[in-house]
Structures are given as structure tokens and as C-alpha cells.
């Protein structure tokens, strides 16, 4: 009987220590909110970086396309005999 009473008291005391206080719950919620805000900020920065990268790629392609249009000999080849003349 003493062992049963001891085990029951031990289980009861463990259950009380496992419960979080309202202050601890509030602090955990605040920590979660800070982490979530940081993740949202990082996501926004990644999206902005992607947009800058895409814009630079598009501008680079446009300049390359414009340079291709300016080349008068595009698609033609020159032989060595023509160059010597």
C-alpha cells in the first residue's frame, strides 16, 4: 500500500510540474511570433531578390537581342579569299 501511495504522489507531482504557467505560455507565443515575423521578412527579401534577378536577366536578353539586330553580317560567313581582297 505504501508503494502505491508513493507512486500516486510521484505521478501527481510530475503532472503539476509538467503544466505550463500562463506566463510561460505567453513567452513561448511571443517567441513564436518573433520567429514567424523573421520568416516572413526573409521570404519577402527572397521574393525581392528573385524579382531583381529576373529583371536583370530580361534586360540582358534585350541588350543581346538588340546587338544581334545591329550585326549586318549576321548569318553569313566570310572566306579567307574575300578577306584578302
PDB file of N, CA and C in Angstrom:
ATOM      1  N   UNK A   1       0.812  -1.190   0.000  1.00  0.00           N
ATOM      2  CA  UNK A   1       0.000   0.000   0.000  1.00  0.00           C
ATOM      3  C   UNK A   1       0.860   1.260   0.000  1.00  0.00           C
ATOM      4  N   UNK A   2       1.988   1.193   0.722  1.00  0.00           N
ATOM      5  CA  UNK A   2       2.870   2.355   0.767  1.00  0.00           C
ATOM      6  C   UNK A   2       3.456   2.640  -0.619  1.00  0.00           C
ATOM      7  N   UNK A   3       3.811   1.573  -1.364  1.00  0.00           N
ATOM      8  CA  UNK A   3       4.355   1.762  -2.705  1.00  0.00           C
ATOM      9  C   UNK A   3       3.331   2.406  -3.628  1.00  0.00           C
ATOM     10  N   UNK A   4       2.086   1.973  -3.517  1.00  0.00           N
ATOM     11  CA  UNK A   4       1.033   2.540  -4.356  1.00  0.00           C
ATOM     12  C   UNK A   4       0.836   4.015  -4.028  1.00  0.00           C
ATOM     13  N   UNK A   5       0.794   4.356  -2.757  1.00  0.00           N
ATOM     14  CA  UNK A   5       0.621   5.740  -2.331  1.00  0.00           C
ATOM     15  C   UNK A   5       1.802   6.584  -2.803  1.00  0.00           C
ATOM     16  N   UNK A   6       3.008   6.051  -2.670  1.00  0.00           N
ATOM     17  CA  UNK A   6       4.198   6.768  -3.116  1.00  0.00           C
ATOM     18  C   UNK A   6       4.159   7.008  -4.622  1.00  0.00           C
ATOM     19  N   UNK A   7       3.804   5.988  -5.396  1.00  0.00           N
ATOM     20  CA  UNK A   7       3.721   6.135  -6.856  1.00  0.00           C
ATOM     21  C   UNK A   7       2.634   7.112  -7.256  1.00  0.00           C
ATOM     22  N   UNK A   8       1.526   7.109  -6.575  1.00  0.00           N
ATOM     23  CA  UNK A   8       0.441   8.038  -6.870  1.00  0.00           C
ATOM     24  C   UNK A   8       0.863   9.468  -6.586  1.00  0.00           C
ATOM     25  N   UNK A   9       1.558   9.688  -5.476  1.00  0.00           N
ATOM     26  CA  UNK A   9       2.047  11.041  -5.152  1.00  0.00           C
ATOM     27  C   UNK A   9       3.113  11.484  -6.150  1.00  0.00           C
ATOM     28  N   UNK A  10       3.979  10.577  -6.541  1.00  0.00           N
ATOM     29  CA  UNK A  10       5.016  10.917  -7.518  1.00  0.00           C
ATOM     30  C   UNK A  10       4.392  11.286  -8.858  1.00  0.00           C
ATOM     31  N   UNK A  11       3.419  10.521  -9.300  1.00  0.00           N
ATOM     32  CA  UNK A  11       2.741  10.816 -10.563  1.00  0.00           C
ATOM     33  C   UNK A  11       2.003  12.145 -10.477  1.00  0.00           C
ATOM     34  N   UNK A  12       1.370  12.414  -9.355  1.00  0.00           N
ATOM     35  CA  UNK A  12       0.657  13.683  -9.178  1.00  0.00           C
ATOM     36  C   UNK A  12       1.600  14.867  -9.190  1.00  0.00           C
ATOM     37  N   UNK A  13       2.761  14.738  -8.538  1.00  0.00           N
ATOM     38  CA  UNK A  13       3.710  15.853  -8.510  1.00  0.00           C
ATOM     39  C   UNK A  13       4.319  16.083  -9.889  1.00  0.00           C
ATOM     40  N   UNK A  14       4.541  15.016 -10.656  1.00  0.00           N
ATOM     41  CA  UNK A  14       5.054  15.186 -12.017  1.00  0.00           C
ATOM     42  C   UNK A  14       4.036  15.858 -12.920  1.00  0.00           C
ATOM     43  N   UNK A  15       2.782  15.561 -12.716  1.00  0.00           N
ATOM     44  CA  UNK A  15       1.769  16.175 -13.570  1.00  0.00           C
ATOM     45  C   UNK A  15       1.655  17.667 -13.309  1.00  0.00           C
ATOM     46  N   UNK A  16       1.892  18.084 -12.076  1.00  0.00           N
ATOM     47  CA  UNK A  16       1.849  19.520 -11.780  1.00  0.00           C
ATOM     48  C   UNK A  16       3.055  20.249 -12.354  1.00  0.00           C
ATOM     49  N   UNK A  17       4.216  19.620 -12.347  1.00  0.00           N
ATOM     50  CA  UNK A  17       5.399  20.285 -12.882  1.00  0.00           C
ATOM     51  C   UNK A  17       5.386  20.307 -14.404  1.00  0.00           C
ATOM     52  N   UNK A  18       4.639  19.427 -15.043  1.00  0.00           N
ATOM     53  CA  UNK A  18       4.578  19.391 -16.500  1.00  0.00           C
ATOM     54  C   UNK A  18       3.679  20.487 -17.064  1.00  0.00           C
ATOM     55  N   UNK A  19       2.800  21.026 -16.262  1.00  0.00           N
ATOM     56  CA  UNK A  19       1.885  22.067 -16.731  1.00  0.00           C
ATOM     57  C   UNK A  19       2.630  23.379 -16.889  1.00  0.00           C
ATOM     58  N   UNK A  20       2.367  24.077 -17.977  1.00  0.00           N
ATOM     59  CA  UNK A  20       2.984  25.378 -18.211  1.00  0.00           C
ATOM     60  C   UNK A  20       2.174  26.456 -17.519  1.00  0.00           C
ATOM     61  N   UNK A  21       2.869  27.463 -17.072  1.00  0.00           N
ATOM     62  CA  UNK A  21       2.174  28.600 -16.484  1.00  0.00           C
ATOM     63  C   UNK A  21       1.711  29.523 -17.609  1.00  0.00           C
ATOM     64  N   UNK A  22       0.807  30.419 -17.261  1.00  0.00           N
ATOM     65  CA  UNK A  22       0.315  31.369 -18.271  1.00  0.00           C
ATOM     66  C   UNK A  22       1.437  32.274 -18.737  1.00  0.00           C
ATOM     67  N   UNK A  23       2.342  32.617 -17.827  1.00  0.00           N
ATOM     68  CA  UNK A  23       3.461  33.488 -18.190  1.00  0.00           C
ATOM     69  C   UNK A  23       4.387  32.761 -19.177  1.00  0.00           C
ATOM     70  N   UNK A  24       4.639  31.474 -18.916  1.00  0.00           N
ATOM     71  CA  UNK A  24       5.493  30.697 -19.815  1.00  0.00           C
ATOM     72  C   UNK A  24       4.836  30.536 -21.182  1.00  0.00           C
ATOM     73  N   UNK A  25       3.536  30.289 -21.195  1.00  0.00           N
ATOM     74  CA  UNK A  25       2.810  30.168 -22.471  1.00  0.00           C
ATOM     75  C   UNK A  25       2.879  31.472 -23.256  1.00  0.00           C
ATOM     76  N   UNK A  26       2.754  32.601 -22.553  1.00  0.00           N
ATOM     77  CA  UNK A  26       2.809  33.902 -23.222  1.00  0.00           C
ATOM     78  C   UNK A  26       4.193  34.146 -23.812  1.00  0.00           C
ATOM     79  N   UNK A  27       5.231  33.765 -23.072  1.00  0.00           N
ATOM     80  CA  UNK A  27       6.591  33.957 -23.579  1.00  0.00           C
ATOM     81  C   UNK A  27       6.854  33.066 -24.789  1.00  0.00           C
ATOM     82  N   UNK A  28       6.342  31.836 -24.769  1.00  0.00           N
ATOM     83  CA  UNK A  28       6.506  30.950 -25.917  1.00  0.00           C
ATOM     84  C   UNK A  28       5.766  31.494 -27.132  1.00  0.00           C
ATOM     85  N   UNK A  29       4.580  32.046 -26.905  1.00  0.00           N
ATOM     86  CA  UNK A  29       3.817  32.634 -28.004  1.00  0.00           C
ATOM     87  C   UNK A  29       4.553  33.834 -28.583  1.00  0.00           C
ATOM     88  N   UNK A  30       5.165  34.635 -27.706  1.00  0.00           N
ATOM     89  CA  UNK A  30       5.922  35.792 -28.175  1.00  0.00           C
ATOM     90  C   UNK A  30       7.138  35.340 -28.992  1.00  0.00           C
ATOM     91  N   UNK A  31       7.812  34.296 -28.526  1.00  0.00           N
ATOM     92  CA  UNK A  31       8.952  33.760 -29.272  1.00  0.00           C
ATOM     93  C   UNK A  31       8.534  33.228 -30.635  1.00  0.00           C
ATOM     94  N   UNK A  32       7.396  32.541 -30.679  1.00  0.00           N
ATOM     95  CA  UNK A  32       6.886  32.034 -31.962  1.00  0.00           C
ATOM     96  C   UNK A  32       6.552  33.175 -32.904  1.00  0.00           C
ATOM     97  N   UNK A  33       5.972  34.249 -32.359  1.00  0.00           N
ATOM     98  CA  UNK A  33       5.617  35.410 -33.186  1.00  0.00           C
ATOM     99  C   UNK A  33       6.870  36.058 -33.763  1.00  0.00           C
ATOM    100  N   UNK A  34       7.921  36.135 -32.964  1.00  0.00           N
ATOM    101  CA  UNK A  34       9.174  36.724 -33.444  1.00  0.00           C
ATOM    102  C   UNK A  34       9.765  35.865 -34.560  1.00  0.00           C
ATOM    103  N   UNK A  35       9.751  34.547 -34.371  1.00  0.00           N
ATOM    104  CA  UNK A  35      10.260  33.647 -35.419  1.00  0.00           C
ATOM    105  C   UNK A  35       9.434  33.768 -36.691  1.00  0.00           C
ATOM    106  N   UNK A  36       8.121  33.827 -36.560  1.00  0.00           N
ATOM    107  CA  UNK A  36       7.250  33.946 -37.734  1.00  0.00           C
ATOM    108  C   UNK A  36       7.497  35.255 -38.478  1.00  0.00           C
ATOM    109  N   UNK A  37       7.694  36.339 -37.725  1.00  0.00           N
ATOM    110  CA  UNK A  37       7.964  37.632 -38.356  1.00  0.00           C
ATOM    111  C   UNK A  37       9.296  37.591 -39.105  1.00  0.00           C
ATOM    112  N   UNK A  38      10.286  36.951 -38.515  1.00  0.00           N
ATOM    113  CA  UNK A  38      11.580  36.819 -39.186  1.00  0.00           C
ATOM    114  C   UNK A  38      11.472  36.010 -40.462  1.00  0.00           C
ATOM    115  N   UNK A  39      10.700  34.925 -40.426  1.00  0.00           N
ATOM    116  CA  UNK A  39      10.498  34.110 -41.626  1.00  0.00           C
ATOM    117  C   UNK A  39       9.790  34.901 -42.718  1.00  0.00           C
ATOM    118  N   UNK A  40       8.790  35.686 -42.326  1.00  0.00           N
ATOM    119  CA  UNK A  40       8.056  36.491 -43.306  1.00  0.00           C
ATOM    120  C   UNK A  40       8.975  37.530 -43.945  1.00  0.00           C
ATOM    121  N   UNK A  41       9.844  38.125 -43.129  1.00  0.00           N
ATOM    122  CA  UNK A  41      10.778  39.126 -43.658  1.00  0.00           C
ATOM    123  C   UNK A  41      11.774  38.470 -44.611  1.00  0.00           C
ATOM    124  N   UNK A  42      12.266  37.292 -44.243  1.00  0.00           N
ATOM    125  CA  UNK A  42      13.204  36.574 -45.112  1.00  0.00           C
ATOM    126  C   UNK A  42      12.539  36.178 -46.429  1.00  0.00           C
ATOM    127  N   UNK A  43      11.292  35.734 -46.363  1.00  0.00           N
ATOM    128  CA  UNK A  43      10.561  35.371 -47.581  1.00  0.00           C
ATOM    129  C   UNK A  43      10.396  36.577 -48.492  1.00  0.00           C
ATOM    130  N   UNK A  44      10.073  37.736 -47.894  1.00  0.00           N
ATOM    131  CA  UNK A  44       9.900  38.953 -48.690  1.00  0.00           C
ATOM    132  C   UNK A  44      11.215  39.351 -49.359  1.00  0.00           C
ATOM    133  N   UNK A  45      12.319  39.206 -48.638  1.00  0.00           N
ATOM    134  CA  UNK A  45      13.624  39.545 -49.209  1.00  0.00           C
ATOM    135  C   UNK A  45      13.987  38.589 -50.345  1.00  0.00           C
ATOM    136  N   UNK A  46      13.674  37.315 -50.185  1.00  0.00           N
ATOM    137  CA  UNK A  46      13.944  36.346 -51.249  1.00  0.00           C
ATOM    138  C   UNK A  46      13.114  36.650 -52.492  1.00  0.00           C
ATOM    139  N   UNK A  47      11.855  37.028 -52.295  1.00  0.00           N
ATOM    140  CA  UNK A  47      10.999  37.380 -53.433  1.00  0.00           C
ATOM    141  C   UNK A  47      11.531  38.606 -54.152  1.00  0.00           C
ATOM    142  N   UNK A  48      12.011  39.585 -53.396  1.00  0.00           N
ATOM    143  CA  UNK A  48      12.559  40.801 -54.000  1.00  0.00           C
ATOM    144  C   UNK A  48      13.836  40.466 -54.783  1.00  0.00           C
ATOM    145  N   UNK A  49      14.671  39.601 -54.217  1.00  0.00           N
ATOM    146  CA  UNK A  49      15.898  39.196 -54.914  1.00  0.00           C
ATOM    147  C   UNK A  49      15.569  38.463 -56.208  1.00  0.00           C
ATOM    148  N   UNK A  50      14.558  37.621 -56.177  1.00  0.00           N
ATOM    149  CA  UNK A  50      14.133  36.923 -57.392  1.00  0.00           C
ATOM    150  C   UNK A  50      13.662  37.909 -58.457  1.00  0.00           C
ATOM    151  N   UNK A  51      12.926  38.927 -58.033  1.00  0.00           N
ATOM    152  CA  UNK A  51      12.422  39.926 -58.984  1.00  0.00           C
ATOM    153  C   UNK A  51      13.581  40.705 -59.606  1.00  0.00           C
ATOM    154  N   UNK A  52      14.573  41.075 -58.793  1.00  0.00           N
ATOM    155  CA  UNK A  52      15.739  41.798 -59.313  1.00  0.00           C
ATOM    156  C   UNK A  52      16.498  40.918 -60.299  1.00  0.00           C
ATOM    157  N   UNK A  53      16.682  39.647 -59.946  1.00  0.00           N
ATOM    158  CA  UNK A  53      17.392  38.714 -60.816  1.00  0.00           C
ATOM    159  C   UNK A  53      16.655  38.543 -62.147  1.00  0.00           C
ATOM    160  N   UNK A  54      15.346  38.388 -62.081  1.00  0.00           N
ATOM    161  CA  UNK A  54      14.549  38.221 -63.301  1.00  0.00           C
ATOM    162  C   UNK A  54      14.617  39.465 -64.179  1.00  0.00           C
ATOM    163  N   UNK A  55      14.575  40.642 -63.548  1.00  0.00           N
ATOM    164  CA  UNK A  55      14.655  41.893 -64.292  1.00  0.00           C
ATOM    165  C   UNK A  55      16.009  42.023 -64.988  1.00  0.00           C
ATOM    166  N   UNK A  56      17.069  41.683 -64.278  1.00  0.00           N
ATOM    167  CA  UNK A  56      18.410  41.762 -64.872  1.00  0.00           C
ATOM    168  C   UNK A  56      18.543  40.782 -66.034  1.00  0.00           C
ATOM    169  N   UNK A  57      17.990  39.597 -65.877  1.00  0.00           N
ATOM    170  CA  UNK A  57      18.030  38.619 -66.972  1.00  0.00           C
ATOM    171  C   UNK A  57      17.292  39.142 -68.195  1.00  0.00           C
ATOM    172  N   UNK A  58      16.130  39.736 -67.978  1.00  0.00           N
ATOM    173  CA  UNK A  58      15.343  40.259 -69.099  1.00  0.00           C
ATOM    174  C   UNK A  58      16.078  41.403 -69.791  1.00  0.00           C
ATOM    175  N   UNK A  59      16.697  42.296 -69.009  1.00  0.00           N
ATOM    176  CA  UNK A  59      17.439  43.414 -69.606  1.00  0.00           C
ATOM    177  C   UNK A  59      18.645  42.899 -70.382  1.00  0.00           C
ATOM    178  N   UNK A  60      19.329  41.912 -69.832  1.00  0.00           N
ATOM    179  CA  UNK A  60      20.484  41.336 -70.526  1.00  0.00           C
ATOM    180  C   UNK A  60      20.089  40.693 -71.837  1.00  0.00           C
ATOM    181  N   UNK A  61      18.977  39.974 -71.836  1.00  0.00           N
ATOM    182  CA  UNK A  61      18.476  39.358 -73.070  1.00  0.00           C
ATOM    183  C   UNK A  61      18.099  40.416 -74.094  1.00  0.00           C
ATOM    184  N   UNK A  62      17.467  41.512 -73.640  1.00  0.00           N
ATOM    185  CA  UNK A  62      17.061  42.583 -74.561  1.00  0.00           C
ATOM    186  C   UNK A  62      18.276  43.234 -75.199  1.00  0.00           C
ATOM    187  N   UNK A  63      19.319  43.474 -74.413  1.00  0.00           N
ATOM    188  CA  UNK A  63      20.533  44.077 -74.965  1.00  0.00           C
ATOM    189  C   UNK A  63      21.185  43.120 -75.957  1.00  0.00           C
ATOM    190  N   UNK A  64      21.220  41.849 -75.630  1.00  0.00           N
ATOM    191  CA  UNK A  64      21.784  40.859 -76.551  1.00  0.00           C
ATOM    192  C   UNK A  64      21.002  40.773 -77.840  1.00  0.00           C
ATOM    193  N   UNK A  65      19.684  40.808 -77.747  1.00  0.00           N
ATOM    194  CA  UNK A  65      18.846  40.779 -78.949  1.00  0.00           C
ATOM    195  C   UNK A  65      19.073  42.013 -79.797  1.00  0.00           C
ATOM    196  N   UNK A  66      19.211  43.171 -79.151  1.00  0.00           N
ATOM    197  CA  UNK A  66      19.441  44.416 -79.888  1.00  0.00           C
ATOM    198  C   UNK A  66      20.807  44.362 -80.587  1.00  0.00           C
ATOM    199  N   UNK A  67      21.805  43.800 -79.917  1.00  0.00           N
ATOM    200  CA  UNK A  67      23.132  43.688 -80.523  1.00  0.00           C
ATOM    201  C   UNK A  67      23.090  42.753 -81.726  1.00  0.00           C
ATOM    202  N   UNK A  68      22.308  41.689 -81.634  1.00  0.00           N
ATOM    203  CA  UNK A  68      22.182  40.769 -82.768  1.00  0.00           C
ATOM    204  C   UNK A  68      21.552  41.459 -83.969  1.00  0.00           C
ATOM    205  N   UNK A  69      20.611  42.343 -83.744  1.00  0.00           N
ATOM    206  CA  UNK A  69      19.951  43.054 -84.854  1.00  0.00           C
ATOM    207  C   UNK A  69      20.894  44.045 -85.518  1.00  0.00           C
ATOM    208  N   UNK A  70      21.864  44.572 -84.782  1.00  0.00           N
ATOM    209  CA  UNK A  70      22.776  45.571 -85.319  1.00  0.00           C
ATOM    210  C   UNK A  70      23.870  44.937 -86.180  1.00  0.00           C
ATOM    211  N   UNK A  71      24.137  43.660 -86.040  1.00  0.00           N
ATOM    212  CA  UNK A  71      25.197  42.978 -86.784  1.00  0.00           C
ATOM    213  C   UNK A  71      24.765  42.787 -88.239  1.00  0.00           C
ATOM    214  N   UNK A  72      25.372  43.498 -89.181  1.00  0.00           N
ATOM    215  CA  UNK A  72      24.935  43.392 -90.583  1.00  0.00           C
ATOM    216  C   UNK A  72      25.285  42.054 -91.206  1.00  0.00           C
ATOM    217  N   UNK A  73      26.283  41.393 -90.707  1.00  0.00           N
ATOM    218  CA  UNK A  73      26.721  40.140 -91.313  1.00  0.00           C
ATOM    219  C   UNK A  73      26.165  38.934 -90.558  1.00  0.00           C
ATOM    220  N   UNK A  74      25.119  39.108 -89.854  1.00  0.00           N
ATOM    221  CA  UNK A  74      24.559  38.005 -89.073  1.00  0.00           C
ATOM    222  C   UNK A  74      24.114  36.892 -90.002  1.00  0.00           C
ATOM    223  N   UNK A  75      24.566  35.728 -89.714  1.00  0.00           N
ATOM    224  CA  UNK A  75      24.162  34.575 -90.507  1.00  0.00           C
ATOM    225  C   UNK A  75      24.996  34.351 -91.755  1.00  0.00           C
ATOM    226  N   UNK A  76      25.993  35.196 -92.041  1.00  0.00           N
ATOM    227  CA  UNK A  76      26.829  34.997 -93.228  1.00  0.00           C
ATOM    228  C   UNK A  76      28.232  34.617 -92.781  1.00  0.00           C
ATOM    229  N   UNK A  77      28.946  33.967 -93.649  1.00  0.00           N
ATOM    230  CA  UNK A  77      30.325  33.594 -93.351  1.00  0.00           C
ATOM    231  C   UNK A  77      31.243  34.239 -94.375  1.00  0.00           C
ATOM    232  N   UNK A  78      32.464  34.472 -93.956  1.00  0.00           N
ATOM    233  CA  UNK A  78      33.442  35.108 -94.847  1.00  0.00           C
ATOM    234  C   UNK A  78      34.570  34.114 -95.096  1.00  0.00           C
ATOM    235  N   UNK A  79      34.949  33.971 -96.377  1.00  0.00           N
ATOM    236  CA  UNK A  79      36.055  33.074 -96.706  1.00  0.00           C
ATOM    237  C   UNK A  79      37.363  33.832 -96.618  1.00  0.00           C
ATOM    238  N   UNK A  80      38.444  33.122 -96.558  1.00  0.00           N
ATOM    239  CA  UNK A  80      39.758  33.781 -96.451  1.00  0.00           C
ATOM    240  C   UNK A  80      40.126  34.542 -97.719  1.00  0.00           C
ATOM    241  N   UNK A  81      39.650  34.124 -98.853  1.00  0.00           N
ATOM    242  CA  UNK A  81      39.966  34.849-100.096  1.00  0.00           C
ATOM    243  C   UNK A  81      39.257  36.188-100.147  1.00  0.00           C
ATOM    244  N   UNK A  82      38.071  36.253 -99.566  1.00  0.00           N
ATOM    245  CA  UNK A  82      37.338  37.522 -99.563  1.00  0.00           C
ATOM    246  C   UNK A  82      37.992  38.522 -98.629  1.00  0.00           C
ATOM    247  N   UNK A  83      38.599  38.069 -97.562  1.00  0.00           N
ATOM    248  CA  UNK A  83      39.213  38.954 -96.598  1.00  0.00           C
ATOM    249  C   UNK A  83      40.495  39.572 -97.180  1.00  0.00           C
ATOM    250  N   UNK A  84      41.236  38.806 -98.012  1.00  0.00           N
ATOM    251  CA  UNK A  84      42.483  39.305 -98.591  1.00  0.00           C
ATOM    252  C   UNK A  84      42.265  40.402 -99.610  1.00  0.00           C
ATOM    253  N   UNK A  85      41.135  40.488-100.239  1.00  0.00           N
ATOM    254  CA  UNK A  85      40.882  41.490-101.273  1.00  0.00           C
ATOM    255  C   UNK A  85      40.798  42.817-100.716  1.00  0.00           C
TER     256      UNK A  85
END
